[in-house]
């Protein structure tokens, strides 16, 4: 059986990669994928604690996080498509104002 520390270490690494991606990268789609990676790291943490504490609460939280992530993906991708049509770029620095 794999210890919980391995799962938590993997979740921390995934979250750190996602956070660095949001901070360093300037492409909107890449930043969006990094936010999704961070949400998946949080889900892995919830599942790990749910499994090792023998409670269902973590799995219920994962269900809600996945629901919010799906809604965020729909709205976020719609905004990205609108941004790319209006400004002809996906660079955050060039499209940092809402004035078109």
Protein backbone atom coordinates (compact mmCIF):
# COMPACT_ATOMS: atom_id res chain seq x y z
CA UNK A 1 0.00 0.00 0.00
CA UNK A 2 1.31 3.42 -0.95
CA UNK A 3 1.63 5.82 2.01
CA UNK A 4 -0.36 9.04 2.12
CA UNK A 5 2.79 11.16 2.05
CA UNK A 6 3.50 10.06 -1.52
CA UNK A 7 0.07 11.22 -2.67
CA UNK A 8 0.40 14.49 -0.78
CA UNK A 9 3.88 15.07 -2.21
CA UNK A 10 2.54 14.48 -5.72
CA UNK A 11 -0.33 16.89 -5.05
CA UNK A 12 2.11 19.52 -3.76
CA UNK A 13 4.29 19.13 -6.85
CA UNK A 14 1.28 19.42 -9.16
CA UNK A 15 0.03 22.48 -7.31
CA UNK A 16 3.48 24.11 -7.44
CA UNK A 17 3.75 23.47 -11.19
CA UNK A 18 0.31 25.00 -11.68
CA UNK A 19 1.11 28.04 -9.53
CA UNK A 20 4.41 28.62 -11.33
CA UNK A 21 2.64 28.28 -14.66
CA UNK A 22 0.12 30.96 -13.71
CA UNK A 23 2.85 33.28 -12.46
CA UNK A 24 5.42 32.78 -15.24
CA UNK A 25 3.43 32.12 -18.42
CA UNK A 26 1.68 34.94 -20.28
CA UNK A 27 -0.57 32.89 -22.59
CA UNK A 28 -4.19 32.85 -21.42
CA UNK A 29 -4.79 29.23 -22.43
CA UNK A 30 -1.65 28.05 -20.64
CA UNK A 31 -2.66 29.96 -17.53
CA UNK A 32 -6.13 28.42 -17.75
CA UNK A 33 -4.65 24.91 -17.94
CA UNK A 34 -2.42 25.66 -14.94
CA UNK A 35 -5.45 26.68 -12.87
CA UNK A 36 -7.09 23.39 -13.82
CA UNK A 37 -3.90 21.58 -12.76
CA UNK A 38 -4.05 23.29 -9.38
CA UNK A 39 -7.69 22.23 -8.96
CA UNK A 40 -6.73 18.63 -9.74
CA UNK A 41 -3.96 18.81 -7.12
CA UNK A 42 -6.51 19.93 -4.54
CA UNK A 43 -8.81 17.09 -5.60
CA UNK A 44 -5.97 14.60 -5.12
CA UNK A 45 -5.44 15.96 -1.61
CA UNK A 46 -9.14 15.62 -0.79
CA UNK A 47 -9.21 12.04 -2.08
CA UNK A 48 -6.05 11.15 -0.17
CA UNK A 49 -7.43 12.35 3.14
CA UNK A 50 -10.79 10.78 2.40
CA UNK A 51 -9.18 7.42 1.72
CA UNK A 52 -6.78 7.37 4.64
CA UNK A 53 -9.29 8.72 7.18
CA UNK A 54 -12.04 6.37 5.92
CA UNK A 55 -14.54 9.18 5.46
CA UNK A 56 -16.64 10.16 2.47
CA UNK A 57 -16.45 13.94 3.05
CA UNK A 58 -13.40 14.40 0.83
CA UNK A 59 -15.09 12.65 -2.07
CA UNK A 60 -18.13 14.91 -1.72
CA UNK A 61 -15.85 17.97 -1.83
CA UNK A 62 -14.19 16.60 -4.97
CA UNK A 63 -17.59 16.32 -6.61
CA UNK A 64 -18.29 19.99 -5.89
CA UNK A 65 -14.83 21.10 -7.03
CA UNK A 66 -15.28 19.19 -10.30
CA UNK A 67 -18.67 20.85 -10.80
CA UNK A 68 -17.19 24.30 -10.25
CA UNK A 69 -14.25 23.44 -12.53
CA UNK A 70 -16.61 22.39 -15.31
CA UNK A 71 -18.54 25.65 -15.04
CA UNK A 72 -15.27 27.59 -14.90
CA UNK A 73 -14.03 25.79 -18.00
CA UNK A 74 -17.16 26.67 -19.96
CA UNK A 75 -17.15 30.34 -18.96
CA UNK A 76 -13.36 30.65 -19.13
CA UNK A 77 -13.09 29.19 -22.62
CA UNK A 78 -15.90 31.46 -23.82
CA UNK A 79 -14.02 34.48 -22.47
CA UNK A 80 -10.78 33.29 -24.07
CA UNK A 81 -12.48 32.92 -27.45
CA UNK A 82 -13.99 36.41 -27.09
CA UNK A 83 -10.62 37.84 -26.11
CA UNK A 84 -8.85 36.24 -29.04
CA UNK A 85 -11.47 37.49 -31.49
CA UNK A 86 -11.38 41.05 -30.15
CA UNK A 87 -7.65 41.56 -29.65
CA UNK A 88 -6.13 38.98 -32.06
CA UNK A 89 -3.79 37.85 -29.29
CA UNK A 90 -3.77 35.53 -26.32
CA UNK A 91 -0.96 37.36 -24.53
CA UNK A 92 -2.06 38.71 -21.16
CA UNK A 93 0.31 41.69 -21.27
CA UNK A 94 -1.05 42.92 -24.60
CA UNK A 95 -4.70 42.35 -23.69
CA UNK A 96 -4.65 43.62 -20.12
CA UNK A 97 -7.39 46.22 -20.50
CA UNK A 98 -11.05 45.65 -21.11
CA UNK A 99 -11.18 48.55 -23.57
CA UNK A 100 -11.54 47.33 -27.13
